[in-house]
C-alpha atoms as a PDB file:
ATOM      1  CA  MET A   1      -6.995  14.985 -11.561  1.00  0.00           C
ATOM      2  CA  SER A   2      -5.788  17.542  -8.784  1.00  0.00           C
ATOM      3  CA  GLU A   3      -3.497  20.661  -9.502  1.00  0.00           C
ATOM      4  CA  ARG A   4      -0.979  19.215  -7.219  1.00  0.00           C
ATOM      5  CA  GLU A   5      -1.332  15.490  -8.812  1.00  0.00           C
ATOM      6  CA  LEU A   6      -1.015  16.901 -12.350  1.00  0.00           C
ATOM      7  CA  LYS A   7       2.293  19.040 -11.241  1.00  0.00           C
ATOM      8  CA  LEU A   8       3.683  15.431 -10.164  1.00  0.00           C
ATOM      9  CA  VAL A   9       2.942  13.883 -13.059  1.00  0.00           C
ATOM     10  CA  VAL A  10       4.808  16.902 -14.977  1.00  0.00           C
ATOM     11  CA  LEU A  11       8.200  16.453 -13.002  1.00  0.00           C
ATOM     12  CA  ASN A  12       8.387  12.622 -13.224  1.00  0.00           C
ATOM     13  CA  ARG A  13       7.662  13.365 -16.841  1.00  0.00           C
ATOM     14  CA  LYS A  14      10.457  15.228 -16.841  1.00  0.00           C
ATOM     15  CA  ASN A  15      13.106  13.333 -14.538  1.00  0.00           C
ATOM     16  CA  SER A  16      12.012   9.980 -15.754  1.00  0.00           C
ATOM     17  CA  PRO A  17      14.802   8.078 -16.848  1.00  0.00           C
ATOM     18  CA  PHE A  18      12.645   6.364 -19.852  1.00  0.00           C
ATOM     19  CA  GLY A  19      13.817   7.744 -23.237  1.00  0.00           C
ATOM     20  CA  GLY A  20      10.636   9.158 -24.638  1.00  0.00           C
ATOM     21  CA  LYS A  21       7.423  11.427 -24.344  1.00  0.00           C
ATOM     22  CA  GLU A  22       4.793   8.774 -24.030  1.00  0.00           C
ATOM     23  CA  ARG A  23       7.202   6.394 -22.036  1.00  0.00           C
ATOM     24  CA  GLY A  24       7.710   9.017 -19.413  1.00  0.00           C
ATOM     25  CA  ARG A  25       4.037  10.123 -19.300  1.00  0.00           C
ATOM     26  CA  ALA A  26       3.068   6.138 -18.601  1.00  0.00           C
ATOM     27  CA  ALA A  27       5.922   6.229 -15.756  1.00  0.00           C
ATOM     28  CA  ALA A  28       4.512   9.470 -14.030  1.00  0.00           C
ATOM     29  CA  ILE A  29       1.207   8.355 -14.555  1.00  0.00           C
ATOM     30  CA  LEU A  30       1.759   4.878 -12.900  1.00  0.00           C
ATOM     31  CA  ALA A  31       4.140   6.833  -9.905  1.00  0.00           C
ATOM     32  CA  CYS A  32       1.185   9.062  -9.421  1.00  0.00           C
ATOM     33  CA  THR A  33      -1.108   5.866  -9.243  1.00  0.00           C
ATOM     34  CA  CYS A  34       0.742   4.283  -6.150  1.00  0.00           C
ATOM     35  CA  ARG A  35       1.112   7.112  -4.510  1.00  0.00           C
ATOM     36  CA  ARG A  36      -1.977   8.090  -4.338  1.00  0.00           C
ATOM     37  CA  HIS A  37      -2.780   4.342  -3.117  1.00  0.00           C
ATOM     38  CA  GLU A  38       0.000   4.834  -0.984  1.00  0.00           C
ATOM     39  CA  VAL A  39       1.839   1.533  -2.879  1.00  0.00           C
ATOM     40  CA  ASP A  40       5.492   1.400  -2.775  1.00  0.00           C
ATOM     41  CA  PRO A  41       6.443   2.124  -6.932  1.00  0.00           C
ATOM     42  CA  LEU A  42       9.529  -0.454  -7.188  1.00  0.00           C
ATOM     43  CA  VAL A  43       8.240  -2.690  -5.184  1.00  0.00           C
ATOM     44  CA  TYR A  44       4.528  -2.889  -7.182  1.00  0.00           C
ATOM     45  CA  LEU A  45       6.336  -2.893 -10.190  1.00  0.00           C
ATOM     46  CA  THR A  46       9.067  -5.902  -8.997  1.00  0.00           C
ATOM     47  CA  GLN A  47       5.788  -7.954  -8.141  1.00  0.00           C
ATOM     48  CA  LEU A  48       4.278  -6.919 -11.280  1.00  0.00           C
ATOM     49  CA  LEU A  49       6.806  -7.802 -13.882  1.00  0.00           C
ATOM     50  CA  VAL A  50       7.360 -11.514 -12.207  1.00  0.00           C
ATOM     51  CA  ASN A  51       3.930 -12.462 -11.960  1.00  0.00           C
ATOM     52  CA  LEU A  52       2.667 -10.658 -15.097  1.00  0.00           C
ATOM     53  CA  PRO A  53       3.629 -13.882 -17.893  1.00  0.00           C
ATOM     54  CA  SER A  54       1.392 -15.986 -15.589  1.00  0.00           C
ATOM     55  CA  VAL A  55      -1.561 -13.445 -15.252  1.00  0.00           C
ATOM     56  CA  ARG A  56      -4.522 -14.019 -17.759  1.00  0.00           C
ATOM     57  CA  MET A  57      -5.831 -11.574 -19.204  1.00  0.00           C
ATOM     58  CA  SER A  58      -9.003 -12.192 -17.129  1.00  0.00           C
ATOM     59  CA  GLU A  59      -7.245 -11.043 -14.750  1.00  0.00           C
ATOM     60  CA  LEU A  60      -5.354  -8.175 -15.521  1.00  0.00           C
ATOM     61  CA  ALA A  61      -8.082  -6.153 -13.128  1.00  0.00           C
ATOM     62  CA  LYS A  62      -6.143  -7.448 -10.100  1.00  0.00           C
ATOM     63  CA  CYS A  63      -2.922  -5.885 -11.417  1.00  0.00           C
ATOM     64  CA  LEU A  64      -3.866  -2.478 -10.676  1.00  0.00           C
ATOM     65  CA  PRO A  65      -2.065  -0.686  -8.000  1.00  0.00           C
ATOM     66  CA  GLU A  66      -5.320  -0.884  -5.769  1.00  0.00           C
ATOM     67  CA  GLU A  67      -6.165  -4.477  -6.263  1.00  0.00           C
ATOM     68  CA  TRP A  68      -2.878  -5.475  -5.696  1.00  0.00           C
ATOM     69  CA  LYS A  69      -2.593  -3.657  -2.444  1.00  0.00           C
ATOM     70  CA  ARG A  70      -5.426  -5.327  -1.474  1.00  0.00           C
ATOM     71  CA  CYS A  71      -4.366  -8.465  -1.944  1.00  0.00           C
ATOM     72  CA  GLN A  72      -1.120  -8.044  -0.263  1.00  0.00           C
ATOM     73  CA  ALA A  73      -3.078  -6.781   2.650  1.00  0.00           C
ATOM     74  CA  GLU A  74      -5.234 -10.299   2.847  1.00  0.00           C
ATOM     75  CA  ARG A  75      -2.040 -12.141   2.530  1.00  0.00           C
ATOM     76  CA  ALA A  76      -0.386 -10.690   5.335  1.00  0.00           C
ATOM     77  CA  ALA A  77      -3.406 -10.945   7.268  1.00  0.00           C
ATOM     78  CA  ARG A  78      -3.665 -14.611   6.823  1.00  0.00           C
ATOM     79  CA  LEU A  79       0.108 -15.138   7.547  1.00  0.00           C
ATOM     80  CA  GLY A  80      -0.459 -13.177  11.049  1.00  0.00           C
ATOM     81  CA  VAL A  81       2.321 -10.480   9.594  1.00  0.00           C
END
């Protein structure tokens, strides 16, 4: 993780609406990961929370931001968007 990304993690943790040190840290890391993979965190989290109850444990890796972005691109290509 670069120094610039680390600074963003700290700023996100401080500005996070979530209470507590661990929750703020997790939210900051998720936001930084989404930014690194050029994924909109709000869209990603919305779809993740909607779809997560139906995801099997063996398929959890598909829920990571980089895999989610790839699946979205494939879906858009199939639909011709």
